[in-house]
Amino acid sequence: QVQLVESGGGLVQAGGSLRLSCKLSGRVSGFNAVGWGRQTPGKQREMIATITRDGTTNYADSVKGRFTVSRDGAWNTVYLQMNSLKPEDTGVYSCNVAFWWGQGTQVTVSS
């Protein structure tokens, strides 16, 4: 069992920044990657960023160059730094390990 708890969402103006956190607990030692997914209104949830235990990162084209995923050394917390936010980034952001998803945190970007 894995528990994932996100925080850091909120309301921000276009062009602003937010930093999301995902606190991991439970049986996380056996998994090699953590991802961030985004559910935007009217669309299916998409995976926008992933990071592996060795630090390899991947990004969806929609966020590449603006978002950065990172982790602490103990693999307890994974972060998503979001810069140059756009109104279309509005949605619920959740972190993922294998079959588990957190409850998510709402990000709203006003124009």
Foldseek 3Di string as FASTA:
>chain_A
DKAWAKDWADEEAAQAKIKMKIFIDDPPPVFFKKWKWWDFPPDDIDTAKMATLVGDMDGDPVQPPFWDWDADNVRGMIMIIGGRDDQRRFTWMWMDTDPDIYPTDTHGYHD
